[in-house]
Amino acid sequence: MQNVTFTQMKDGTVEEYFFLQQLEHHYIRELPDRLMESLRGLGSSLQGYQISRLEHSLQSATRAEADGADLDMVVGALIHDIGDVLAPENHSQMAAAILRPYVRAEVTWVIEMHGLFQMEYYAHHFGKDPNAYLVYKDHPWFASCHHFCACYDQAAFDPDYSSKPLEYFEPLLREVFSRKAFDPAVIQEAL
């Protein structure tokens, strides 16, 4: 079978759905390749900074690793801005959605909220509330997100910082995104 014959999902046969499932499993296994390609694309995305978005991502991940962050947080730091290209107004949520099936819930929350927390450093320049993130001050992962932004994200725009190359982080990215999706032992959703 090369293609299914149905034009509406309700008309698909069991054979067609098993055929599609096999293709999907193969496609899912290639996710790390597509993520690496997307990260490389950050090298020529949003301009105006002294470094590329790729270099910012590498600096963030390098800083996280140097700080002793675990694998999930290092990979979270690496891809935290991967949504910049397709979702500039909600890049944090896009990156979190990509991570959600593969990392612990804390990392997903940190990446999802980093855009709001990051505004602490610049929102006042636009007449916005730099303290809007404080609405989450009682959240169990508030300190983790604040630390992520203070130590890994907002500090990672330095053209003189020696970050590790993307190839260094590739095995880590592949390890995380090769995990079984939504494995309860990994995502640990309960607070």
N, C-alpha and C. Protein backbone atom coordinates (compact mmCIF):
# COMPACT_ATOMS: atom_id res chain seq x y z
N MET A 1 0.85 -1.18 0.00
CA MET A 1 0.00 0.00 0.00
C MET A 1 0.90 1.24 0.00
N GLN A 2 0.63 2.16 -0.89
CA GLN A 2 1.38 3.42 -0.98
C GLN A 2 0.65 4.54 -0.24
N ASN A 3 -0.67 4.55 -0.37
CA ASN A 3 -1.51 5.57 0.24
C ASN A 3 -2.83 4.92 0.65
N VAL A 4 -3.49 5.52 1.60
CA VAL A 4 -4.83 5.06 1.96
C VAL A 4 -5.81 5.50 0.87
N THR A 5 -6.96 4.87 0.83
CA THR A 5 -7.95 5.22 -0.19
C THR A 5 -9.05 6.13 0.34
N PHE A 6 -9.17 6.23 1.67
CA PHE A 6 -10.29 7.03 2.21
C PHE A 6 -10.07 8.52 2.04
N THR A 7 -11.18 9.23 1.95
CA THR A 7 -11.16 10.69 1.87
C THR A 7 -11.76 11.31 3.12
N GLN A 8 -12.32 10.48 3.97
CA GLN A 8 -12.81 10.90 5.29
C GLN A 8 -12.33 9.87 6.30
N MET A 9 -11.86 10.31 7.43
CA MET A 9 -11.30 9.40 8.41
C MET A 9 -12.29 8.30 8.81
N LYS A 10 -13.55 8.62 8.86
CA LYS A 10 -14.55 7.63 9.29
C LYS A 10 -14.63 6.43 8.34
N ASP A 11 -14.11 6.57 7.12
CA ASP A 11 -14.18 5.50 6.14
C ASP A 11 -12.92 4.63 6.08
N GLY A 12 -11.93 4.92 6.90
CA GLY A 12 -10.69 4.16 6.87
C GLY A 12 -10.87 2.74 7.39
N THR A 13 -10.09 1.83 6.81
CA THR A 13 -10.13 0.43 7.24
C THR A 13 -9.06 0.18 8.28
N VAL A 14 -9.17 -0.94 8.96
CA VAL A 14 -8.17 -1.30 9.96
C VAL A 14 -6.80 -1.43 9.30
N GLU A 15 -6.75 -2.00 8.10
CA GLU A 15 -5.47 -2.14 7.39
C GLU A 15 -4.86 -0.78 7.10
N GLU A 16 -5.69 0.17 6.68
CA GLU A 16 -5.19 1.50 6.37
C GLU A 16 -4.64 2.19 7.62
N TYR A 17 -5.35 2.02 8.73
CA TYR A 17 -4.88 2.67 9.95
C TYR A 17 -3.61 2.02 10.49
N PHE A 18 -3.46 0.72 10.34
CA PHE A 18 -2.20 0.07 10.73
C PHE A 18 -1.06 0.52 9.81
N PHE A 19 -1.35 0.68 8.54
CA PHE A 19 -0.36 1.20 7.59
C PHE A 19 0.09 2.60 8.01
N LEU A 20 -0.86 3.46 8.32
CA LEU A 20 -0.53 4.83 8.75
C LEU A 20 0.22 4.84 10.08
N GLN A 21 -0.15 3.95 10.96
CA GLN A 21 0.53 3.88 12.26
C GLN A 21 2.01 3.54 12.08
N GLN A 22 2.31 2.62 11.18
CA GLN A 22 3.70 2.27 10.92
C GLN A 22 4.48 3.47 10.38
N LEU A 23 3.88 4.20 9.47
CA LEU A 23 4.52 5.40 8.94
C LEU A 23 4.73 6.44 10.04
N GLU A 24 3.74 6.58 10.92
CA GLU A 24 3.84 7.55 12.00
C GLU A 24 4.96 7.18 12.98
N HIS A 25 5.09 5.90 13.30
CA HIS A 25 6.18 5.47 14.19
C HIS A 25 7.53 5.85 13.61
N HIS A 26 7.70 5.63 12.34
CA HIS A 26 8.95 5.99 11.67
C HIS A 26 9.15 7.52 11.73
N TYR A 27 8.11 8.27 11.47
CA TYR A 27 8.17 9.73 11.49
C TYR A 27 8.53 10.24 12.88
N ILE A 28 7.95 9.65 13.90
CA ILE A 28 8.24 10.06 15.28
C ILE A 28 9.71 9.79 15.61
N ARG A 29 10.25 8.68 15.16
CA ARG A 29 11.66 8.37 15.42
C ARG A 29 12.60 9.40 14.79
N GLU A 30 12.13 10.10 13.77
CA GLU A 30 12.94 11.13 13.10
C GLU A 30 12.80 12.51 13.74
N LEU A 31 12.04 12.61 14.82
CA LEU A 31 11.86 13.91 15.49
C LEU A 31 13.19 14.57 15.87
N PRO A 32 14.14 13.85 16.45
CA PRO A 32 15.41 14.52 16.77
C PRO A 32 16.08 15.15 15.56
N ASP A 33 15.99 14.50 14.40
CA ASP A 33 16.57 15.08 13.18
C ASP A 33 15.89 16.40 12.84
N ARG A 34 14.57 16.44 12.93
CA ARG A 34 13.84 17.68 12.60
C ARG A 34 14.12 18.77 13.63
N LEU A 35 14.29 18.39 14.88
CA LEU A 35 14.63 19.39 15.90
C LEU A 35 16.02 19.97 15.66
N MET A 36 16.96 19.12 15.30
CA MET A 36 18.31 19.61 15.00
C MET A 36 18.26 20.58 13.82
N GLU A 37 17.50 20.24 12.81
CA GLU A 37 17.35 21.13 11.65
C GLU A 37 16.73 22.46 12.06
N SER A 38 15.73 22.41 12.91
CA SER A 38 15.08 23.65 13.38
C SER A 38 16.04 24.50 14.20
N LEU A 39 16.84 23.85 15.04
CA LEU A 39 17.82 24.60 15.81
C LEU A 39 18.83 25.27 14.88
N ARG A 40 19.30 24.56 13.88
CA ARG A 40 20.23 25.16 12.92
C ARG A 40 19.59 26.38 12.24
N GLY A 41 18.29 26.28 11.97
CA GLY A 41 17.57 27.39 11.35
C GLY A 41 17.55 28.65 12.21
N LEU A 42 17.69 28.49 13.52
CA LEU A 42 17.74 29.67 14.39
C LEU A 42 18.99 30.51 14.14
N GLY A 43 19.94 29.94 13.43
CA GLY A 43 21.15 30.69 13.09
C GLY A 43 20.88 31.84 12.14
N SER A 44 19.76 31.80 11.45
CA SER A 44 19.42 32.88 10.50
C SER A 44 18.01 33.40 10.74
N SER A 45 17.56 33.32 11.98
CA SER A 45 16.21 33.82 12.29
C SER A 45 16.30 35.27 12.76
N LEU A 46 15.50 35.64 13.70
CA LEU A 46 15.39 37.01 14.20
C LEU A 46 16.74 37.69 14.34
N GLN A 47 16.87 38.85 13.74
CA GLN A 47 18.12 39.62 13.76
C GLN A 47 18.04 40.74 14.80
N GLY A 48 19.15 41.44 14.98
CA GLY A 48 19.20 42.61 15.85
C GLY A 48 20.01 42.40 17.11
N TYR A 49 20.13 41.18 17.54
CA TYR A 49 20.96 40.88 18.70
C TYR A 49 22.42 40.76 18.26
N GLN A 50 23.33 40.77 19.21
CA GLN A 50 24.75 40.60 18.87
C GLN A 50 25.09 39.17 18.48
N ILE A 51 24.19 38.24 18.82
CA ILE A 51 24.39 36.83 18.47
C ILE A 51 23.11 36.30 17.83
N SER A 52 23.21 35.15 17.17
CA SER A 52 22.04 34.54 16.56
C SER A 52 21.18 33.87 17.63
N ARG A 53 19.96 33.53 17.26
CA ARG A 53 19.08 32.80 18.17
C ARG A 53 19.66 31.42 18.45
N LEU A 54 20.35 30.84 17.48
CA LEU A 54 21.01 29.56 17.72
C LEU A 54 22.08 29.72 18.79
N GLU A 55 22.93 30.73 18.65
CA GLU A 55 23.98 30.94 19.65
C GLU A 55 23.36 31.22 21.02
N HIS A 56 22.25 31.96 21.06
CA HIS A 56 21.55 32.19 22.33
C HIS A 56 21.11 30.87 22.94
N SER A 57 20.58 29.99 22.13
CA SER A 57 20.13 28.68 22.61
C SER A 57 21.30 27.85 23.13
N LEU A 58 22.41 27.88 22.40
CA LEU A 58 23.61 27.15 22.82
C LEU A 58 24.18 27.72 24.12
N GLN A 59 24.18 29.05 24.23
CA GLN A 59 24.65 29.67 25.47
C GLN A 59 23.75 29.27 26.64
N SER A 60 22.45 29.28 26.42
CA SER A 60 21.51 28.92 27.48
C SER A 60 21.75 27.49 27.95
N ALA A 61 21.90 26.57 27.01
CA ALA A 61 22.13 25.16 27.36
C ALA A 61 23.49 24.97 28.02
N THR A 62 24.50 25.67 27.53
CA THR A 62 25.83 25.58 28.13
C THR A 62 25.81 26.09 29.56
N ARG A 63 25.13 27.21 29.77
CA ARG A 63 25.01 27.77 31.12
C ARG A 63 24.26 26.82 32.04
N ALA A 64 23.19 26.21 31.53
CA ALA A 64 22.41 25.27 32.34
C ALA A 64 23.28 24.08 32.75
N GLU A 65 24.01 23.53 31.79
CA GLU A 65 24.86 22.39 32.11
C GLU A 65 25.95 22.78 33.11
N ALA A 66 26.57 23.93 32.90
CA ALA A 66 27.64 24.38 33.81
C ALA A 66 27.10 24.62 35.22
N ASP A 67 25.82 24.93 35.32
CA ASP A 67 25.17 25.18 36.61
C ASP A 67 24.76 23.88 37.30
N GLY A 68 24.93 22.76 36.61
CA GLY A 68 24.57 21.48 37.20
C GLY A 68 23.14 21.04 36.93
N ALA A 69 22.48 21.69 35.98
CA ALA A 69 21.11 21.29 35.64
C ALA A 69 21.12 19.88 35.08
N ASP A 70 20.00 19.18 35.28
CA ASP A 70 19.92 17.81 34.77
C ASP A 70 19.64 17.81 33.27
N LEU A 71 19.64 16.61 32.70
CA LEU A 71 19.47 16.43 31.26
C LEU A 71 18.21 17.12 30.74
N ASP A 72 17.08 16.94 31.42
CA ASP A 72 15.83 17.53 30.95
C ASP A 72 15.92 19.05 30.87
N MET A 73 16.51 19.67 31.89
CA MET A 73 16.59 21.13 31.90
C MET A 73 17.60 21.63 30.87
N VAL A 74 18.69 20.92 30.67
CA VAL A 74 19.67 21.33 29.66
C VAL A 74 19.03 21.30 28.27
N VAL A 75 18.32 20.23 27.98
CA VAL A 75 17.66 20.14 26.67
C VAL A 75 16.53 21.17 26.59
N GLY A 76 15.83 21.41 27.68
CA GLY A 76 14.83 22.48 27.71
C GLY A 76 15.46 23.82 27.37
N ALA A 77 16.61 24.10 27.97
CA ALA A 77 17.32 25.35 27.68
C ALA A 77 17.73 25.41 26.21
N LEU A 78 18.14 24.28 25.67
CA LEU A 78 18.57 24.25 24.27
C LEU A 78 17.42 24.61 23.33
N ILE A 79 16.23 24.11 23.59
CA ILE A 79 15.15 24.34 22.63
C ILE A 79 14.12 25.37 23.11
N HIS A 80 14.41 26.09 24.18
CA HIS A 80 13.41 26.99 24.76
C HIS A 80 12.90 28.06 23.79
N ASP A 81 13.68 28.45 22.81
CA ASP A 81 13.25 29.47 21.85
C ASP A 81 13.01 28.90 20.45
N ILE A 82 12.88 27.61 20.33
CA ILE A 82 12.70 26.98 19.03
C ILE A 82 11.41 27.44 18.35
N GLY A 83 10.47 27.93 19.14
CA GLY A 83 9.21 28.42 18.58
C GLY A 83 9.29 29.82 18.00
N ASP A 84 10.42 30.49 18.15
CA ASP A 84 10.54 31.87 17.67
C ASP A 84 10.17 32.03 16.20
N VAL A 85 10.50 31.05 15.39
CA VAL A 85 10.30 31.16 13.94
C VAL A 85 8.82 31.09 13.58
N LEU A 86 8.10 30.12 14.13
CA LEU A 86 6.71 29.91 13.75
C LEU A 86 5.69 30.50 14.72
N ALA A 87 6.11 30.79 15.93
CA ALA A 87 5.17 31.30 16.94
C ALA A 87 5.81 32.42 17.74
N PRO A 88 6.16 33.53 17.09
CA PRO A 88 6.87 34.58 17.81
C PRO A 88 6.08 35.19 18.97
N GLU A 89 4.77 35.15 18.93
CA GLU A 89 3.96 35.71 20.01
C GLU A 89 3.72 34.72 21.14
N ASN A 90 3.96 33.44 20.90
CA ASN A 90 3.79 32.43 21.95
C ASN A 90 4.85 31.33 21.83
N HIS A 91 6.06 31.77 21.60
CA HIS A 91 7.15 30.81 21.40
C HIS A 91 7.36 29.91 22.61
N SER A 92 7.13 30.43 23.80
CA SER A 92 7.32 29.64 25.02
C SER A 92 6.38 28.45 25.04
N GLN A 93 5.13 28.70 24.70
CA GLN A 93 4.13 27.63 24.71
C GLN A 93 4.43 26.59 23.63
N MET A 94 4.93 27.03 22.49
CA MET A 94 5.26 26.08 21.43
C MET A 94 6.41 25.18 21.86
N ALA A 95 7.45 25.76 22.43
CA ALA A 95 8.58 24.96 22.89
C ALA A 95 8.13 23.99 23.98
N ALA A 96 7.29 24.44 24.89
CA ALA A 96 6.79 23.57 25.95
C ALA A 96 5.98 22.41 25.39
N ALA A 97 5.17 22.69 24.37
CA ALA A 97 4.37 21.63 23.76
C ALA A 97 5.26 20.56 23.12
N ILE A 98 6.37 20.98 22.55
CA ILE A 98 7.31 20.02 21.94
C ILE A 98 7.95 19.16 23.03
N LEU A 99 8.31 19.78 24.13
CA LEU A 99 8.97 19.07 25.23
C LEU A 99 8.03 18.18 26.04
N ARG A 100 6.79 18.60 26.21
CA ARG A 100 5.85 17.99 27.16
C ARG A 100 5.85 16.45 27.20
N PRO A 101 5.84 15.75 26.08
CA PRO A 101 5.78 14.28 26.17
C PRO A 101 7.07 13.61 26.64
N TYR A 102 8.17 14.37 26.74
CA TYR A 102 9.47 13.74 26.93
C TYR A 102 10.24 14.14 28.18
N VAL A 103 9.81 15.18 28.86
CA VAL A 103 10.55 15.65 30.04
C VAL A 103 9.62 15.76 31.24
N ARG A 104 10.22 15.93 32.40
CA ARG A 104 9.39 16.05 33.60
C ARG A 104 8.56 17.34 33.53
N ALA A 105 7.44 17.31 34.18
CA ALA A 105 6.47 18.40 34.11
C ALA A 105 7.06 19.74 34.55
N GLU A 106 7.96 19.73 35.49
CA GLU A 106 8.58 20.97 35.94
C GLU A 106 9.27 21.69 34.79
N VAL A 107 10.01 20.96 33.98
CA VAL A 107 10.73 21.57 32.86
C VAL A 107 9.74 22.11 31.84
N THR A 108 8.69 21.36 31.57
CA THR A 108 7.66 21.85 30.66
C THR A 108 7.08 23.17 31.16
N TRP A 109 6.78 23.24 32.46
CA TRP A 109 6.20 24.46 33.02
C TRP A 109 7.18 25.62 32.93
N VAL A 110 8.42 25.38 33.25
CA VAL A 110 9.45 26.42 33.19
C VAL A 110 9.56 26.97 31.77
N ILE A 111 9.63 26.10 30.79
CA ILE A 111 9.76 26.55 29.41
C ILE A 111 8.49 27.27 28.96
N GLU A 112 7.34 26.77 29.36
CA GLU A 112 6.08 27.42 28.98
C GLU A 112 5.97 28.82 29.57
N MET A 113 6.49 29.02 30.76
CA MET A 113 6.33 30.30 31.46
C MET A 113 7.51 31.25 31.26
N HIS A 114 8.59 30.80 30.66
CA HIS A 114 9.78 31.66 30.60
C HIS A 114 9.53 32.97 29.87
N GLY A 115 8.66 32.99 28.89
CA GLY A 115 8.37 34.24 28.18
C GLY A 115 7.79 35.30 29.10
N LEU A 116 6.89 34.89 29.98
CA LEU A 116 6.31 35.82 30.95
C LEU A 116 7.34 36.24 31.99
N PHE A 117 8.06 35.29 32.55
CA PHE A 117 9.06 35.59 33.58
C PHE A 117 10.16 36.49 33.03
N GLN A 118 10.51 36.29 31.77
CA GLN A 118 11.58 37.05 31.14
C GLN A 118 11.24 38.54 31.04
N MET A 119 9.96 38.84 31.04
CA MET A 119 9.55 40.24 30.91
C MET A 119 9.99 41.09 32.10
N GLU A 120 10.41 40.43 33.16
CA GLU A 120 10.96 41.15 34.33
C GLU A 120 12.08 42.09 33.90
N TYR A 121 12.80 41.72 32.85
CA TYR A 121 13.99 42.45 32.45
C TYR A 121 13.75 43.57 31.45
N TYR A 122 12.57 43.58 30.80
CA TYR A 122 12.39 44.59 29.76
C TYR A 122 10.98 45.16 29.62
N ALA A 123 9.99 44.60 30.27
CA ALA A 123 8.60 45.03 30.06
C ALA A 123 8.40 46.52 30.37
N HIS A 124 9.12 47.02 31.33
CA HIS A 124 8.98 48.43 31.71
C HIS A 124 9.32 49.38 30.56
N HIS A 125 10.16 48.95 29.63
CA HIS A 125 10.51 49.78 28.48
C HIS A 125 9.32 49.99 27.55
N PHE A 126 8.33 49.13 27.66
CA PHE A 126 7.14 49.19 26.81
C PHE A 126 5.89 49.60 27.57
N GLY A 127 6.09 50.09 28.80
CA GLY A 127 4.95 50.50 29.61
C GLY A 127 4.13 49.33 30.14
N LYS A 128 4.74 48.16 30.19
CA LYS A 128 4.06 46.97 30.71
C LYS A 128 4.59 46.64 32.09
N ASP A 129 3.87 45.78 32.77
CA ASP A 129 4.22 45.41 34.14
C ASP A 129 5.35 44.38 34.15
N PRO A 130 6.53 44.75 34.63
CA PRO A 130 7.63 43.79 34.69
C PRO A 130 7.44 42.73 35.77
N ASN A 131 6.46 42.95 36.63
CA ASN A 131 6.22 42.01 37.72
C ASN A 131 5.00 41.11 37.48
N ALA A 132 4.52 41.05 36.27
CA ALA A 132 3.33 40.25 35.96
C ALA A 132 3.55 38.78 36.32
N TYR A 133 4.77 38.33 36.24
CA TYR A 133 5.08 36.93 36.56
C TYR A 133 4.83 36.59 38.02
N LEU A 134 4.76 37.60 38.87
CA LEU A 134 4.58 37.36 40.30
C LEU A 134 3.22 36.75 40.64
N VAL A 135 2.31 36.74 39.68
CA VAL A 135 1.03 36.07 39.90
C VAL A 135 1.26 34.58 40.21
N TYR A 136 2.41 34.05 39.82
CA TYR A 136 2.76 32.64 40.06
C TYR A 136 3.70 32.46 41.25
N LYS A 137 3.83 33.47 42.10
CA LYS A 137 4.82 33.42 43.18
C LYS A 137 4.63 32.24 44.13
N ASP A 138 3.43 31.72 44.23
CA ASP A 138 3.18 30.58 45.11
C ASP A 138 3.22 29.23 44.39
N HIS A 139 3.52 29.26 43.10
CA HIS A 139 3.60 28.01 42.34
C HIS A 139 4.85 27.23 42.77
N PRO A 140 4.76 25.91 42.89
CA PRO A 140 5.92 25.12 43.33
C PRO A 140 7.15 25.26 42.44
N TRP A 141 6.96 25.64 41.18
CA TRP A 141 8.11 25.73 40.27
C TRP A 141 8.47 27.19 39.94
N PHE A 142 7.94 28.11 40.71
CA PHE A 142 8.24 29.53 40.52
C PHE A 142 9.75 29.77 40.57
N ALA A 143 10.39 29.29 41.64
CA ALA A 143 11.83 29.53 41.81
C ALA A 143 12.64 28.90 40.67
N SER A 144 12.21 27.76 40.21
CA SER A 144 12.91 27.09 39.11
C SER A 144 12.85 27.93 37.83
N CYS A 145 11.68 28.48 37.55
CA CYS A 145 11.54 29.31 36.34
C CYS A 145 12.32 30.62 36.50
N HIS A 146 12.25 31.20 37.66
CA HIS A 146 12.99 32.44 37.89
C HIS A 146 14.49 32.20 37.72
N HIS A 147 14.97 31.09 38.25
CA HIS A 147 16.39 30.74 38.11
C HIS A 147 16.74 30.51 36.64
N PHE A 148 15.89 29.78 35.92
CA PHE A 148 16.11 29.54 34.49
C PHE A 148 16.30 30.86 33.75
N CYS A 149 15.39 31.79 33.99
CA CYS A 149 15.46 33.07 33.28
C CYS A 149 16.68 33.89 33.70
N ALA A 150 16.94 33.95 35.00
CA ALA A 150 18.04 34.76 35.50
C ALA A 150 19.40 34.22 35.10
N CYS A 151 19.56 32.91 35.14
CA CYS A 151 20.89 32.32 34.96
C CYS A 151 21.16 31.75 33.58
N TYR A 152 20.12 31.30 32.88
CA TYR A 152 20.34 30.63 31.59
C TYR A 152 19.87 31.46 30.41
N ASP A 153 18.75 32.15 30.56
CA ASP A 153 18.13 32.79 29.40
C ASP A 153 18.56 34.25 29.24
N GLN A 154 18.24 35.12 30.18
CA GLN A 154 18.52 36.54 30.00
C GLN A 154 20.01 36.85 29.94
N ALA A 155 20.82 35.96 30.47
CA ALA A 155 22.28 36.18 30.48
C ALA A 155 22.96 35.64 29.23
N ALA A 156 22.20 35.07 28.31
CA ALA A 156 22.79 34.34 27.18
C ALA A 156 22.74 35.12 25.87
N PHE A 157 23.26 36.35 25.91
CA PHE A 157 23.32 37.19 24.70
C PHE A 157 24.72 37.77 24.52
N ASP A 158 25.70 37.07 25.03
CA ASP A 158 27.07 37.56 25.12
C ASP A 158 27.91 37.05 23.94
N PRO A 159 28.36 37.93 23.05
CA PRO A 159 29.15 37.48 21.90
C PRO A 159 30.51 36.92 22.30
N ASP A 160 30.96 37.17 23.52
CA ASP A 160 32.25 36.67 23.98
C ASP A 160 32.15 35.39 24.80
N TYR A 161 30.94 34.92 25.03
CA TYR A 161 30.75 33.70 25.83
C TYR A 161 31.11 32.48 24.98
N SER A 162 31.82 31.55 25.58
CA SER A 162 32.25 30.34 24.86
C SER A 162 31.24 29.21 25.12
N SER A 163 30.28 29.09 24.24
CA SER A 163 29.28 28.04 24.40
C SER A 163 29.73 26.78 23.68
N LYS A 164 29.15 25.68 24.09
CA LYS A 164 29.43 24.41 23.43
C LYS A 164 28.67 24.38 22.11
N PRO A 165 29.19 23.68 21.11
CA PRO A 165 28.54 23.65 19.79
C PRO A 165 27.29 22.76 19.80
N LEU A 166 26.47 22.95 18.81
CA LEU A 166 25.24 22.17 18.68
C LEU A 166 25.54 20.67 18.66
N GLU A 167 26.62 20.27 18.02
CA GLU A 167 26.98 18.85 17.94
C GLU A 167 27.21 18.25 19.32
N TYR A 168 27.68 19.06 20.26
CA TYR A 168 27.87 18.58 21.63
C TYR A 168 26.54 18.19 22.25
N PHE A 169 25.51 18.99 21.98
CA PHE A 169 24.21 18.77 22.60
C PHE A 169 23.35 17.75 21.85
N GLU A 170 23.75 17.40 20.64
CA GLU A 170 22.94 16.48 19.84
C GLU A 170 22.66 15.16 20.54
N PRO A 171 23.64 14.48 21.15
CA PRO A 171 23.33 13.22 21.84
C PRO A 171 22.34 13.40 22.99
N LEU A 172 22.41 14.53 23.69
CA LEU A 172 21.49 14.79 24.78
C LEU A 172 20.07 14.98 24.24
N LEU A 173 19.96 15.76 23.18
CA LEU A 173 18.66 15.98 22.54
C LEU A 173 18.09 14.65 22.06
N ARG A 174 18.92 13.84 21.43
CA ARG A 174 18.45 12.54 20.92
C ARG A 174 18.01 11.62 22.06
N GLU A 175 18.72 11.66 23.17
CA GLU A 175 18.34 10.83 24.32
C GLU A 175 16.95 11.22 24.83
N VAL A 176 16.72 12.51 25.01
CA VAL A 176 15.44 12.97 25.52
C VAL A 176 14.31 12.67 24.55
N PHE A 177 14.50 12.98 23.28
CA PHE A 177 13.42 12.83 22.31
C PHE A 177 13.31 11.42 21.73
N SER A 178 14.07 10.50 22.27
CA SER A 178 13.91 9.09 21.94
C SER A 178 13.18 8.33 23.04
N ARG A 179 12.84 9.02 24.10
CA ARG A 179 12.10 8.40 25.19
C ARG A 179 10.68 8.04 24.75
N LYS A 180 10.09 7.13 25.48
CA LYS A 180 8.68 6.81 25.27
C LYS A 180 7.87 8.04 25.67
N ALA A 181 6.99 8.48 24.78
CA ALA A 181 6.19 9.68 25.04
C ALA A 181 5.28 9.48 26.25
N PHE A 182 5.19 10.51 27.06
CA PHE A 182 4.31 10.56 28.23
C PHE A 182 4.54 9.42 29.21
N ASP A 183 5.79 8.98 29.34
CA ASP A 183 6.15 7.95 30.30
C ASP A 183 5.95 8.54 31.70
N PRO A 184 5.05 7.97 32.50
CA PRO A 184 4.80 8.53 33.85
C PRO A 184 6.05 8.59 34.72
N ALA A 185 6.98 7.68 34.50
CA ALA A 185 8.21 7.70 35.28
C ALA A 185 9.09 8.89 34.94
N VAL A 186 8.89 9.48 33.76
CA VAL A 186 9.67 10.63 33.34
C VAL A 186 8.94 11.93 33.62
N ILE A 187 7.71 12.03 33.16
CA ILE A 187 7.04 13.33 33.23
C ILE A 187 6.60 13.72 34.63
N GLN A 188 6.33 12.75 35.53
CA GLN A 188 6.03 13.03 36.92
C GLN A 188 5.11 14.22 37.09
N GLU A 189 3.93 14.14 36.52
CA GLU A 189 3.03 15.29 36.51
C GLU A 189 2.55 15.75 37.87
N ALA A 190 2.40 14.86 38.81
CA ALA A 190 1.88 15.25 40.12
C ALA A 190 2.86 16.18 40.83
N LEU A 191 2.33 17.19 41.47
CA LEU A 191 3.17 18.11 42.23
C LEU A 191 3.38 17.61 43.63
